[in-house]
């Protein structure tokens, strides 16, 4: 949440209200910007992931509005050009592992508090 505002620095186009008790993980914009200012490799991966996420959302939205080619169901065979690059898949897998580790750390901190 907040990815569009991160890109264009405008207020978010939507707000979110939790329907039940929730834990929210947030990274202050200043902290993220400081990390990107000192780590170009992180910044490039961050913006690439953000671009892929936003492009996918745009494709889905335009398809639902009836523009362009319809998005194929996951069960259908996809053209080779529509497949995700193996290098990108490796990055996504690594990100998932890191996210799981972070969640486990947060859970242990919450349980000990």
N, C-alpha and C. Protein backbone atom coordinates (compact mmCIF):
# COMPACT_ATOMS: atom_id res chain seq x y z
N UNK A 1 0.84 -1.18 0.00
CA UNK A 1 0.00 0.00 0.00
C UNK A 1 0.88 1.23 0.00
N UNK A 2 0.53 2.19 -0.78
CA UNK A 2 1.30 3.42 -0.84
C UNK A 2 2.31 3.46 -1.95
N UNK A 3 2.32 2.42 -2.82
CA UNK A 3 3.32 2.38 -3.88
C UNK A 3 3.13 3.48 -4.91
N UNK A 4 1.90 3.84 -5.22
CA UNK A 4 1.67 4.91 -6.19
C UNK A 4 2.14 6.24 -5.60
N UNK A 5 1.82 6.49 -4.36
CA UNK A 5 2.25 7.72 -3.70
C UNK A 5 3.77 7.78 -3.58
N UNK A 6 4.40 6.63 -3.44
CA UNK A 6 5.86 6.62 -3.36
C UNK A 6 6.45 7.09 -4.69
N UNK A 7 5.84 6.70 -5.79
CA UNK A 7 6.35 7.06 -7.10
C UNK A 7 6.11 8.54 -7.42
N UNK A 8 4.88 9.03 -7.17
CA UNK A 8 4.57 10.40 -7.60
C UNK A 8 4.49 11.43 -6.47
N UNK A 9 4.73 11.02 -5.22
CA UNK A 9 4.75 11.92 -4.06
C UNK A 9 3.44 12.67 -3.82
N UNK A 10 2.35 12.14 -4.31
CA UNK A 10 1.04 12.74 -4.06
C UNK A 10 0.32 11.93 -3.01
N UNK A 11 -0.75 12.47 -2.42
CA UNK A 11 -1.51 11.69 -1.43
C UNK A 11 -2.05 10.41 -2.05
N UNK A 12 -2.24 9.38 -1.23
CA UNK A 12 -2.74 8.10 -1.77
C UNK A 12 -4.12 8.26 -2.39
N UNK A 13 -4.40 7.50 -3.45
CA UNK A 13 -5.71 7.56 -4.10
C UNK A 13 -6.79 6.82 -3.32
N UNK A 14 -6.41 6.08 -2.28
CA UNK A 14 -7.38 5.30 -1.50
C UNK A 14 -6.89 5.19 -0.06
N UNK A 15 -7.80 4.86 0.83
CA UNK A 15 -7.45 4.58 2.21
C UNK A 15 -7.88 3.16 2.54
N UNK A 16 -7.30 2.61 3.58
CA UNK A 16 -7.60 1.23 3.95
C UNK A 16 -8.02 1.22 5.42
N UNK A 17 -9.08 0.49 5.71
CA UNK A 17 -9.53 0.29 7.08
C UNK A 17 -9.58 -1.21 7.33
N UNK A 18 -8.95 -1.64 8.41
CA UNK A 18 -8.93 -3.07 8.74
C UNK A 18 -10.31 -3.52 9.23
N UNK A 19 -10.74 -4.66 8.78
CA UNK A 19 -12.03 -5.22 9.19
C UNK A 19 -11.89 -5.98 10.51
N UNK A 20 -10.66 -6.27 10.91
CA UNK A 20 -10.40 -6.97 12.16
C UNK A 20 -9.06 -6.50 12.71
N UNK A 21 -8.74 -6.89 13.94
CA UNK A 21 -7.48 -6.50 14.54
C UNK A 21 -6.34 -6.96 13.64
N UNK A 22 -5.41 -6.07 13.36
CA UNK A 22 -4.33 -6.39 12.43
C UNK A 22 -3.02 -5.77 12.90
N UNK A 23 -1.94 -6.37 12.46
CA UNK A 23 -0.62 -5.78 12.65
C UNK A 23 -0.22 -5.18 11.31
N UNK A 24 0.25 -3.98 11.33
CA UNK A 24 0.66 -3.31 10.11
C UNK A 24 2.17 -3.12 10.14
N UNK A 25 2.81 -3.56 9.08
CA UNK A 25 4.24 -3.36 8.94
C UNK A 25 4.44 -2.13 8.06
N UNK A 26 5.18 -1.18 8.55
CA UNK A 26 5.38 0.06 7.79
C UNK A 26 6.85 0.45 7.82
N UNK A 27 7.31 0.95 6.71
CA UNK A 27 8.66 1.50 6.63
C UNK A 27 8.49 2.98 6.33
N UNK A 28 8.96 3.84 7.22
CA UNK A 28 8.84 5.28 6.96
C UNK A 28 9.54 5.65 5.65
N UNK A 29 8.92 6.54 4.90
CA UNK A 29 9.46 6.97 3.61
C UNK A 29 10.90 7.45 3.74
N UNK A 30 11.20 8.21 4.79
CA UNK A 30 12.55 8.73 4.98
C UNK A 30 13.58 7.61 5.13
N UNK A 31 13.21 6.55 5.83
CA UNK A 31 14.12 5.42 6.02
C UNK A 31 14.37 4.72 4.69
N UNK A 32 13.32 4.49 3.93
CA UNK A 32 13.45 3.83 2.63
C UNK A 32 14.27 4.69 1.67
N UNK A 33 14.02 5.98 1.65
CA UNK A 33 14.78 6.88 0.78
C UNK A 33 16.26 6.92 1.17
N UNK A 34 16.54 6.91 2.47
CA UNK A 34 17.93 6.92 2.93
C UNK A 34 18.65 5.64 2.48
N UNK A 35 17.97 4.51 2.58
CA UNK A 35 18.55 3.23 2.15
C UNK A 35 18.85 3.27 0.65
N UNK A 36 17.92 3.80 -0.13
CA UNK A 36 18.13 3.85 -1.58
C UNK A 36 19.23 4.83 -1.95
N UNK A 37 19.40 5.89 -1.16
CA UNK A 37 20.45 6.87 -1.45
C UNK A 37 21.85 6.30 -1.21
N UNK A 38 21.94 5.31 -0.31
CA UNK A 38 23.25 4.74 0.02
C UNK A 38 23.49 3.38 -0.62
N UNK A 39 22.48 2.80 -1.25
CA UNK A 39 22.60 1.45 -1.81
C UNK A 39 21.93 1.41 -3.18
N UNK A 40 22.68 1.72 -4.21
CA UNK A 40 22.13 1.78 -5.57
C UNK A 40 21.61 0.42 -6.03
N UNK A 41 22.24 -0.66 -5.61
CA UNK A 41 21.79 -2.00 -6.01
C UNK A 41 20.41 -2.27 -5.43
N UNK A 42 20.20 -1.94 -4.15
CA UNK A 42 18.89 -2.09 -3.53
C UNK A 42 17.86 -1.22 -4.25
N UNK A 43 18.24 0.03 -4.53
CA UNK A 43 17.31 0.96 -5.18
C UNK A 43 16.88 0.44 -6.55
N UNK A 44 17.82 -0.10 -7.31
CA UNK A 44 17.46 -0.59 -8.65
C UNK A 44 16.52 -1.79 -8.55
N UNK A 45 16.77 -2.69 -7.60
CA UNK A 45 15.88 -3.84 -7.43
C UNK A 45 14.51 -3.41 -6.92
N UNK A 46 14.50 -2.43 -6.01
CA UNK A 46 13.24 -1.93 -5.47
C UNK A 46 12.37 -1.34 -6.59
N UNK A 47 12.97 -0.47 -7.40
CA UNK A 47 12.19 0.16 -8.46
C UNK A 47 11.80 -0.82 -9.57
N UNK A 48 12.63 -1.83 -9.82
CA UNK A 48 12.26 -2.84 -10.81
C UNK A 48 11.05 -3.63 -10.30
N UNK A 49 11.08 -4.03 -9.04
CA UNK A 49 9.95 -4.77 -8.46
C UNK A 49 8.69 -3.91 -8.47
N UNK A 50 8.84 -2.63 -8.14
CA UNK A 50 7.71 -1.71 -8.14
C UNK A 50 7.14 -1.57 -9.55
N UNK A 51 8.02 -1.46 -10.54
CA UNK A 51 7.57 -1.33 -11.93
C UNK A 51 6.82 -2.58 -12.39
N UNK A 52 7.33 -3.75 -12.03
CA UNK A 52 6.66 -5.01 -12.41
C UNK A 52 5.29 -5.09 -11.75
N UNK A 53 5.23 -4.75 -10.47
CA UNK A 53 3.96 -4.79 -9.73
C UNK A 53 2.94 -3.84 -10.36
N UNK A 54 3.35 -2.60 -10.63
CA UNK A 54 2.42 -1.62 -11.19
C UNK A 54 2.02 -1.97 -12.63
N UNK A 55 2.96 -2.52 -13.41
CA UNK A 55 2.63 -2.93 -14.78
C UNK A 55 1.60 -4.04 -14.78
N UNK A 56 1.75 -4.99 -13.86
CA UNK A 56 0.79 -6.09 -13.77
C UNK A 56 -0.59 -5.56 -13.39
N UNK A 57 -0.61 -4.64 -12.44
CA UNK A 57 -1.90 -4.07 -12.03
C UNK A 57 -2.54 -3.29 -13.17
N UNK A 58 -1.76 -2.55 -13.93
CA UNK A 58 -2.29 -1.79 -15.07
C UNK A 58 -2.83 -2.73 -16.14
N UNK A 59 -2.10 -3.80 -16.42
CA UNK A 59 -2.59 -4.78 -17.42
C UNK A 59 -3.93 -5.38 -16.99
N UNK A 60 -4.02 -5.74 -15.72
CA UNK A 60 -5.25 -6.32 -15.20
C UNK A 60 -6.40 -5.33 -15.29
N UNK A 61 -6.15 -4.09 -14.92
CA UNK A 61 -7.19 -3.07 -14.95
C UNK A 61 -7.66 -2.80 -16.38
N UNK A 62 -6.72 -2.63 -17.30
CA UNK A 62 -7.12 -2.34 -18.68
C UNK A 62 -7.84 -3.53 -19.30
N UNK A 63 -7.45 -4.74 -18.94
CA UNK A 63 -8.14 -5.92 -19.44
C UNK A 63 -9.58 -5.97 -18.94
N UNK A 64 -9.76 -5.64 -17.66
CA UNK A 64 -11.12 -5.65 -17.09
C UNK A 64 -12.00 -4.57 -17.71
N UNK A 65 -11.39 -3.49 -18.18
CA UNK A 65 -12.15 -2.42 -18.82
C UNK A 65 -12.45 -2.72 -20.28
N UNK A 66 -11.89 -3.84 -20.78
CA UNK A 66 -12.18 -4.24 -22.15
C UNK A 66 -11.19 -3.73 -23.17
N UNK A 67 -10.05 -3.25 -22.74
CA UNK A 67 -9.03 -2.77 -23.66
C UNK A 67 -7.95 -3.83 -23.80
N UNK A 68 -7.32 -3.89 -24.96
CA UNK A 68 -6.21 -4.82 -25.16
C UNK A 68 -6.65 -6.26 -25.15
N UNK A 69 -5.67 -7.14 -25.06
CA UNK A 69 -5.94 -8.58 -25.03
C UNK A 69 -6.42 -8.98 -23.65
N UNK A 70 -7.36 -9.91 -23.59
CA UNK A 70 -7.77 -10.40 -22.27
C UNK A 70 -6.62 -11.17 -21.62
N UNK A 71 -6.53 -11.08 -20.30
CA UNK A 71 -5.51 -11.82 -19.57
C UNK A 71 -5.95 -13.27 -19.50
N UNK A 72 -5.02 -14.18 -19.82
CA UNK A 72 -5.33 -15.60 -19.83
C UNK A 72 -5.44 -16.13 -18.41
N UNK A 73 -6.29 -17.14 -18.25
CA UNK A 73 -6.38 -17.83 -16.97
C UNK A 73 -5.09 -18.58 -16.73
N UNK A 74 -4.78 -18.82 -15.46
CA UNK A 74 -3.57 -19.54 -15.12
C UNK A 74 -3.58 -20.95 -15.67
N UNK A 75 -4.77 -21.53 -15.86
CA UNK A 75 -4.86 -22.90 -16.35
C UNK A 75 -4.52 -23.01 -17.83
N UNK A 76 -4.67 -21.92 -18.57
CA UNK A 76 -4.40 -21.96 -20.00
C UNK A 76 -2.91 -21.90 -20.24
N UNK A 77 -2.48 -22.48 -21.36
CA UNK A 77 -1.07 -22.38 -21.74
C UNK A 77 -0.80 -20.94 -22.17
N UNK A 78 0.29 -20.41 -21.67
CA UNK A 78 0.65 -19.04 -22.02
C UNK A 78 1.73 -19.05 -23.07
N UNK A 79 1.77 -17.99 -23.87
CA UNK A 79 2.84 -17.83 -24.85
C UNK A 79 4.15 -17.71 -24.12
N UNK A 80 5.23 -18.15 -24.76
CA UNK A 80 6.55 -18.07 -24.13
C UNK A 80 6.90 -16.63 -23.78
N UNK A 81 6.41 -15.66 -24.55
CA UNK A 81 6.70 -14.25 -24.28
C UNK A 81 6.04 -13.73 -23.02
N UNK A 82 5.01 -14.43 -22.54
CA UNK A 82 4.30 -14.01 -21.34
C UNK A 82 4.87 -14.62 -20.07
N UNK A 83 5.83 -15.53 -20.20
CA UNK A 83 6.40 -16.18 -19.03
C UNK A 83 7.35 -15.25 -18.31
N UNK A 84 7.44 -15.43 -17.00
CA UNK A 84 8.34 -14.62 -16.20
C UNK A 84 9.76 -15.15 -16.39
N UNK A 85 10.69 -14.25 -16.57
CA UNK A 85 12.09 -14.58 -16.73
C UNK A 85 12.57 -15.35 -15.50
N UNK A 86 13.40 -16.38 -15.70
CA UNK A 86 13.90 -17.18 -14.58
C UNK A 86 14.68 -16.36 -13.58
N UNK A 87 15.40 -15.35 -14.04
CA UNK A 87 16.15 -14.48 -13.14
C UNK A 87 15.20 -13.71 -12.22
N UNK A 88 14.09 -13.27 -12.78
CA UNK A 88 13.08 -12.57 -11.97
C UNK A 88 12.48 -13.54 -10.96
N UNK A 89 12.21 -14.77 -11.37
CA UNK A 89 11.67 -15.77 -10.46
C UNK A 89 12.62 -16.04 -9.30
N UNK A 90 13.93 -16.10 -9.58
CA UNK A 90 14.91 -16.29 -8.51
C UNK A 90 14.84 -15.15 -7.51
N UNK A 91 14.70 -13.93 -8.01
CA UNK A 91 14.61 -12.76 -7.14
C UNK A 91 13.34 -12.79 -6.30
N UNK A 92 12.25 -13.19 -6.91
CA UNK A 92 10.98 -13.27 -6.19
C UNK A 92 11.07 -14.33 -5.10
N UNK A 93 11.69 -15.46 -5.41
CA UNK A 93 11.85 -16.52 -4.43
C UNK A 93 12.71 -16.06 -3.26
N UNK A 94 13.80 -15.38 -3.55
CA UNK A 94 14.67 -14.85 -2.50
C UNK A 94 13.93 -13.83 -1.65
N UNK A 95 13.14 -12.99 -2.29
CA UNK A 95 12.36 -12.00 -1.54
C UNK A 95 11.35 -12.69 -0.62
N UNK A 96 10.74 -13.77 -1.08
CA UNK A 96 9.78 -14.50 -0.25
C UNK A 96 10.47 -15.10 0.98
N UNK A 97 11.66 -15.64 0.79
CA UNK A 97 12.42 -16.21 1.91
C UNK A 97 12.76 -15.13 2.93
N UNK A 98 13.22 -13.99 2.44
CA UNK A 98 13.56 -12.87 3.34
C UNK A 98 12.33 -12.37 4.08
N UNK A 99 11.20 -12.29 3.38
CA UNK A 99 9.96 -11.83 4.00
C UNK A 99 9.53 -12.80 5.10
N UNK A 100 9.62 -14.10 4.83
CA UNK A 100 9.26 -15.09 5.85
C UNK A 100 10.14 -14.95 7.09
N UNK A 101 11.44 -14.73 6.90
CA UNK A 101 12.35 -14.55 8.04
C UNK A 101 11.96 -13.31 8.84
N UNK A 102 11.61 -12.24 8.14
CA UNK A 102 11.20 -11.01 8.81
C UNK A 102 9.93 -11.24 9.63
N UNK A 103 8.96 -11.93 9.05
CA UNK A 103 7.71 -12.21 9.76
C UNK A 103 7.96 -13.05 11.01
N UNK A 104 8.84 -14.04 10.91
CA UNK A 104 9.15 -14.88 12.07
C UNK A 104 9.80 -14.06 13.19
N UNK A 105 10.69 -13.14 12.80
CA UNK A 105 11.32 -12.27 13.80
C UNK A 105 10.29 -11.38 14.48
N UNK A 106 9.39 -10.82 13.67
CA UNK A 106 8.35 -9.96 14.24
C UNK A 106 7.41 -10.73 15.16
N UNK A 107 7.09 -11.97 14.78
CA UNK A 107 6.22 -12.79 15.62
C UNK A 107 6.90 -13.10 16.95
N UNK A 108 8.20 -13.41 16.92
CA UNK A 108 8.88 -13.72 18.17
C UNK A 108 8.98 -12.48 19.07
N UNK A 109 9.18 -11.32 18.47
CA UNK A 109 9.22 -10.07 19.25
C UNK A 109 7.84 -9.80 19.86
N UNK A 110 6.78 -9.99 19.07
CA UNK A 110 5.42 -9.75 19.57
C UNK A 110 5.06 -10.73 20.69
N UNK A 111 5.49 -11.97 20.57
CA UNK A 111 5.19 -12.98 21.58
C UNK A 111 5.94 -12.71 22.89
N UNK A 112 7.14 -12.15 22.79
CA UNK A 112 7.92 -11.88 24.00
C UNK A 112 7.52 -10.57 24.68
N UNK A 113 6.76 -9.74 23.98
CA UNK A 113 6.35 -8.46 24.55
C UNK A 113 5.15 -8.57 25.46
